[in-house]
Amino acid sequence: MRNILLILTLTILVSCQTTSKSADPIKADKTLSSTADAIKNYKETFQWEKGFDSWSKVPTTEDYHMVAPNLGLEATGAKEIEEVVFGFVKETELKQELVDIIEHGNYITCLLKITTKTGEIMDVVEVFLVDDEGRVKNIWAL
């Protein structure tokens, strides 16, 4: 029994030794697709006065859908999104600051800081689902 305890103790001590291997994290590739790059450009140059005109440069499907449940907004297709979503943007004189953009497969995620004309500040996450042709199909503003 003593021998078994001795062997277990030595095994544990050896396995807990520090190693000389580097623990540096693997850095993600920051190269964005053309769609993610278009979204990034739109977010970085966003002006509420030119909202939909700027957004229309991002490739979308004909029937793309956006929902912002916390704001009570939902719209499908360019015309409805222009009226509903960008109507809200103009009404509130929304300002956006892009904090980060991350692309993972068919999903593009934007971390934003939003400010309204009344000074209300919100941290928002927008998730874009992109189809196989690189067009935005769904948007969730959370």
C-alpha atoms as a PDB file:
ATOM      1  CA  MET A   1       0.000   0.000   0.000  1.00  0.00           C
ATOM      2  CA  ARG A   2       2.890   2.363   0.829  1.00  0.00           C
ATOM      3  CA  ASN A   3       4.405   1.693  -2.585  1.00  0.00           C
ATOM      4  CA  ILE A   4       1.146   2.559  -4.323  1.00  0.00           C
ATOM      5  CA  LEU A   5       0.841   5.825  -2.357  1.00  0.00           C
ATOM      6  CA  LEU A   6       4.439   6.690  -3.139  1.00  0.00           C
ATOM      7  CA  ILE A   7       3.933   6.042  -6.865  1.00  0.00           C
ATOM      8  CA  LEU A   8       0.693   8.101  -6.922  1.00  0.00           C
ATOM      9  CA  THR A   9       2.351  10.982  -5.079  1.00  0.00           C
ATOM     10  CA  LEU A  10       5.317  11.006  -7.475  1.00  0.00           C
ATOM     11  CA  THR A  11       2.991  10.824 -10.493  1.00  0.00           C
ATOM     12  CA  ILE A  12       0.976  13.789  -9.251  1.00  0.00           C
ATOM     13  CA  LEU A  13       4.090  15.830  -8.506  1.00  0.00           C
ATOM     14  CA  VAL A  14       5.584  15.151 -11.928  1.00  0.00           C
ATOM     15  CA  SER A  15       2.330  15.935 -13.740  1.00  0.00           C
ATOM     16  CA  CYS A  16       2.018  19.273 -11.921  1.00  0.00           C
ATOM     17  CA  GLN A  17       5.456  20.515 -12.992  1.00  0.00           C
ATOM     18  CA  THR A  18       5.588  23.664 -15.077  1.00  0.00           C
ATOM     19  CA  THR A  19       6.455  23.361 -18.713  1.00  0.00           C
ATOM     20  CA  SER A  20       8.575  25.561 -20.915  1.00  0.00           C
ATOM     21  CA  LYS A  21       5.931  25.601 -23.673  1.00  0.00           C
ATOM     22  CA  SER A  22       4.516  28.974 -24.606  1.00  0.00           C
ATOM     23  CA  ALA A  23       0.953  29.669 -23.475  1.00  0.00           C
ATOM     24  CA  ASP A  24       0.404  32.425 -26.041  1.00  0.00           C
ATOM     25  CA  PRO A  25      -3.117  32.381 -27.450  1.00  0.00           C
ATOM     26  CA  ILE A  26      -3.679  31.657 -31.117  1.00  0.00           C
ATOM     27  CA  LYS A  27      -4.667  34.902 -32.786  1.00  0.00           C
ATOM     28  CA  ALA A  28      -7.769  34.904 -34.974  1.00  0.00           C
ATOM     29  CA  ASP A  29      -7.438  35.911 -38.583  1.00  0.00           C
ATOM     30  CA  LYS A  30      -8.766  39.473 -38.906  1.00  0.00           C
ATOM     31  CA  THR A  31      -9.341  39.251 -42.675  1.00  0.00           C
ATOM     32  CA  LEU A  32     -13.017  39.936 -43.343  1.00  0.00           C
ATOM     33  CA  SER A  33     -15.168  38.815 -46.248  1.00  0.00           C
ATOM     34  CA  SER A  34     -16.350  41.484 -48.671  1.00  0.00           C
ATOM     35  CA  THR A  35     -19.794  41.477 -46.985  1.00  0.00           C
ATOM     36  CA  ALA A  36     -18.324  41.862 -43.489  1.00  0.00           C
ATOM     37  CA  ASP A  37     -16.047  44.590 -44.818  1.00  0.00           C
ATOM     38  CA  ALA A  38     -19.066  46.408 -46.325  1.00  0.00           C
ATOM     39  CA  ILE A  39     -20.907  46.153 -42.976  1.00  0.00           C
ATOM     40  CA  LYS A  40     -17.815  47.412 -41.152  1.00  0.00           C
ATOM     41  CA  ASN A  41     -17.509  50.376 -43.521  1.00  0.00           C
ATOM     42  CA  TYR A  42     -21.216  51.161 -43.099  1.00  0.00           C
ATOM     43  CA  LYS A  43     -20.924  51.060 -39.294  1.00  0.00           C
ATOM     44  CA  GLU A  44     -17.717  53.134 -39.184  1.00  0.00           C
ATOM     45  CA  THR A  45     -19.108  55.856 -41.443  1.00  0.00           C
ATOM     46  CA  PHE A  46     -22.697  55.735 -40.152  1.00  0.00           C
ATOM     47  CA  GLN A  47     -24.666  58.987 -40.131  1.00  0.00           C
ATOM     48  CA  TRP A  48     -28.343  58.817 -39.227  1.00  0.00           C
ATOM     49  CA  GLU A  49     -29.202  61.345 -41.942  1.00  0.00           C
ATOM     50  CA  LYS A  50     -27.876  58.999 -44.645  1.00  0.00           C
ATOM     51  CA  GLY A  51     -28.854  55.731 -42.943  1.00  0.00           C
ATOM     52  CA  PHE A  52     -30.578  53.677 -45.619  1.00  0.00           C
ATOM     53  CA  ASP A  53     -28.569  55.123 -48.510  1.00  0.00           C
ATOM     54  CA  SER A  54     -25.349  53.973 -46.828  1.00  0.00           C
ATOM     55  CA  TRP A  55     -26.834  50.626 -45.789  1.00  0.00           C
ATOM     56  CA  SER A  56     -28.002  49.890 -49.357  1.00  0.00           C
ATOM     57  CA  LYS A  57     -24.351  49.349 -50.373  1.00  0.00           C
ATOM     58  CA  VAL A  58     -24.299  46.126 -48.286  1.00  0.00           C
ATOM     59  CA  PRO A  59     -25.390  43.089 -50.343  1.00  0.00           C
ATOM     60  CA  THR A  60     -28.723  41.657 -49.127  1.00  0.00           C
ATOM     61  CA  THR A  61     -31.267  39.103 -50.269  1.00  0.00           C
ATOM     62  CA  GLU A  62     -34.498  40.491 -51.676  1.00  0.00           C
ATOM     63  CA  ASP A  63     -36.526  39.405 -48.648  1.00  0.00           C
ATOM     64  CA  TYR A  64     -33.971  39.950 -45.885  1.00  0.00           C
ATOM     65  CA  HIS A  65     -35.466  40.247 -42.421  1.00  0.00           C
ATOM     66  CA  MET A  66     -34.501  42.368 -39.417  1.00  0.00           C
ATOM     67  CA  VAL A  67     -35.777  42.152 -35.887  1.00  0.00           C
ATOM     68  CA  ALA A  68     -34.863  44.325 -32.890  1.00  0.00           C
ATOM     69  CA  PRO A  69     -36.984  42.832 -30.092  1.00  0.00           C
ATOM     70  CA  ASN A  70     -35.909  45.293 -27.379  1.00  0.00           C
ATOM     71  CA  LEU A  71     -36.995  48.197 -29.585  1.00  0.00           C
ATOM     72  CA  GLY A  72     -40.154  46.526 -30.880  1.00  0.00           C
ATOM     73  CA  LEU A  73     -38.939  46.738 -34.487  1.00  0.00           C
ATOM     74  CA  GLU A  74     -39.373  44.088 -37.171  1.00  0.00           C
ATOM     75  CA  ALA A  75     -39.295  44.439 -40.932  1.00  0.00           C
ATOM     76  CA  THR A  76     -38.789  42.386 -44.096  1.00  0.00           C
ATOM     77  CA  GLY A  77     -37.423  43.614 -47.414  1.00  0.00           C
ATOM     78  CA  ALA A  78     -35.660  46.843 -48.312  1.00  0.00           C
ATOM     79  CA  LYS A  79     -38.766  49.051 -48.509  1.00  0.00           C
ATOM     80  CA  GLU A  80     -40.111  47.995 -45.118  1.00  0.00           C
ATOM     81  CA  ILE A  81     -36.681  48.150 -43.469  1.00  0.00           C
ATOM     82  CA  GLU A  82     -36.195  51.654 -44.856  1.00  0.00           C
ATOM     83  CA  GLU A  83     -39.566  52.761 -43.465  1.00  0.00           C
ATOM     84  CA  VAL A  84     -39.589  50.968 -40.107  1.00  0.00           C
ATOM     85  CA  VAL A  85     -35.960  50.638 -39.045  1.00  0.00           C
ATOM     86  CA  PHE A  86     -34.494  53.733 -40.652  1.00  0.00           C
ATOM     87  CA  GLY A  87     -37.604  55.697 -39.709  1.00  0.00           C
ATOM     88  CA  PHE A  88     -36.701  54.882 -36.093  1.00  0.00           C
ATOM     89  CA  VAL A  89     -33.052  55.786 -36.763  1.00  0.00           C
ATOM     90  CA  LYS A  90     -34.056  59.219 -38.102  1.00  0.00           C
ATOM     91  CA  GLU A  91     -36.617  59.838 -35.366  1.00  0.00           C
ATOM     92  CA  THR A  92     -34.090  59.124 -32.603  1.00  0.00           C
ATOM     93  CA  GLU A  93     -31.108  60.618 -34.499  1.00  0.00           C
ATOM     94  CA  LEU A  94     -29.269  57.429 -33.680  1.00  0.00           C
ATOM     95  CA  LYS A  95     -25.478  57.442 -33.495  1.00  0.00           C
ATOM     96  CA  GLN A  96     -23.457  54.235 -33.673  1.00  0.00           C
ATOM     97  CA  GLU A  97     -19.935  53.465 -32.599  1.00  0.00           C
ATOM     98  CA  LEU A  98     -18.515  50.172 -33.868  1.00  0.00           C
ATOM     99  CA  VAL A  99     -16.658  48.580 -30.959  1.00  0.00           C
ATOM    100  CA  ASP A 100     -15.735  45.346 -32.762  1.00  0.00           C
ATOM    101  CA  ILE A 101     -16.746  43.162 -35.686  1.00  0.00           C
ATOM    102  CA  ILE A 102     -16.338  39.394 -35.687  1.00  0.00           C
ATOM    103  CA  GLU A 103     -16.948  36.990 -38.535  1.00  0.00           C
ATOM    104  CA  HIS A 104     -17.563  33.307 -37.856  1.00  0.00           C
ATOM    105  CA  GLY A 105     -18.759  31.178 -40.756  1.00  0.00           C
ATOM    106  CA  ASN A 106     -21.962  32.640 -42.166  1.00  0.00           C
ATOM    107  CA  TYR A 107     -22.402  34.954 -39.179  1.00  0.00           C
ATOM    108  CA  ILE A 108     -21.096  38.486 -38.772  1.00  0.00           C
ATOM    109  CA  THR A 109     -21.416  40.060 -35.341  1.00  0.00           C
ATOM    110  CA  CYS A 110     -21.059  43.759 -34.579  1.00  0.00           C
ATOM    111  CA  LEU A 111     -20.611  45.064 -31.056  1.00  0.00           C
ATOM    112  CA  LEU A 112     -21.968  48.604 -30.965  1.00  0.00           C
ATOM    113  CA  LYS A 113     -22.414  51.534 -28.646  1.00  0.00           C
ATOM    114  CA  ILE A 114     -25.632  53.336 -29.599  1.00  0.00           C
ATOM    115  CA  THR A 115     -26.574  56.871 -28.526  1.00  0.00           C
ATOM    116  CA  THR A 116     -29.938  58.574 -29.103  1.00  0.00           C
ATOM    117  CA  LYS A 117     -30.655  62.302 -29.407  1.00  0.00           C
ATOM    118  CA  THR A 118     -31.876  62.256 -25.775  1.00  0.00           C
ATOM    119  CA  GLY A 119     -28.476  60.966 -24.649  1.00  0.00           C
ATOM    120  CA  GLU A 120     -29.596  57.407 -23.920  1.00  0.00           C
ATOM    121  CA  ILE A 121     -26.651  55.022 -24.395  1.00  0.00           C
ATOM    122  CA  MET A 122     -27.050  51.319 -25.126  1.00  0.00           C
ATOM    123  CA  ASP A 123     -24.631  48.471 -25.713  1.00  0.00           C
ATOM    124  CA  VAL A 124     -26.008  46.532 -28.673  1.00  0.00           C
ATOM    125  CA  VAL A 125     -25.046  43.373 -30.525  1.00  0.00           C
ATOM    126  CA  GLU A 126     -26.098  42.936 -34.132  1.00  0.00           C
ATOM    127  CA  VAL A 127     -25.866  39.504 -35.704  1.00  0.00           C
ATOM    128  CA  PHE A 128     -26.042  39.152 -39.486  1.00  0.00           C
ATOM    129  CA  LEU A 129     -26.712  35.802 -41.160  1.00  0.00           C
ATOM    130  CA  VAL A 130     -25.201  35.718 -44.646  1.00  0.00           C
ATOM    131  CA  ASP A 131     -26.269  33.274 -47.366  1.00  0.00           C
ATOM    132  CA  ASP A 132     -23.839  31.237 -49.491  1.00  0.00           C
ATOM    133  CA  GLU A 133     -23.650  34.077 -52.033  1.00  0.00           C
ATOM    134  CA  GLY A 134     -22.492  36.583 -49.396  1.00  0.00           C
ATOM    135  CA  ARG A 135     -25.804  38.427 -49.047  1.00  0.00           C
ATOM    136  CA  VAL A 136     -27.336  39.406 -45.704  1.00  0.00           C
ATOM    137  CA  LYS A 137     -30.388  37.236 -45.114  1.00  0.00           C
ATOM    138  CA  ASN A 138     -31.279  37.979 -41.462  1.00  0.00           C
ATOM    139  CA  ILE A 139     -30.350  40.628 -38.909  1.00  0.00           C
ATOM    140  CA  TRP A 140     -30.911  40.424 -35.183  1.00  0.00           C
ATOM    141  CA  ALA A 141     -30.291  43.618 -33.196  1.00  0.00           C
ATOM    142  CA  LEU A 142     -30.037  42.592 -29.549  1.00  0.00           C
END
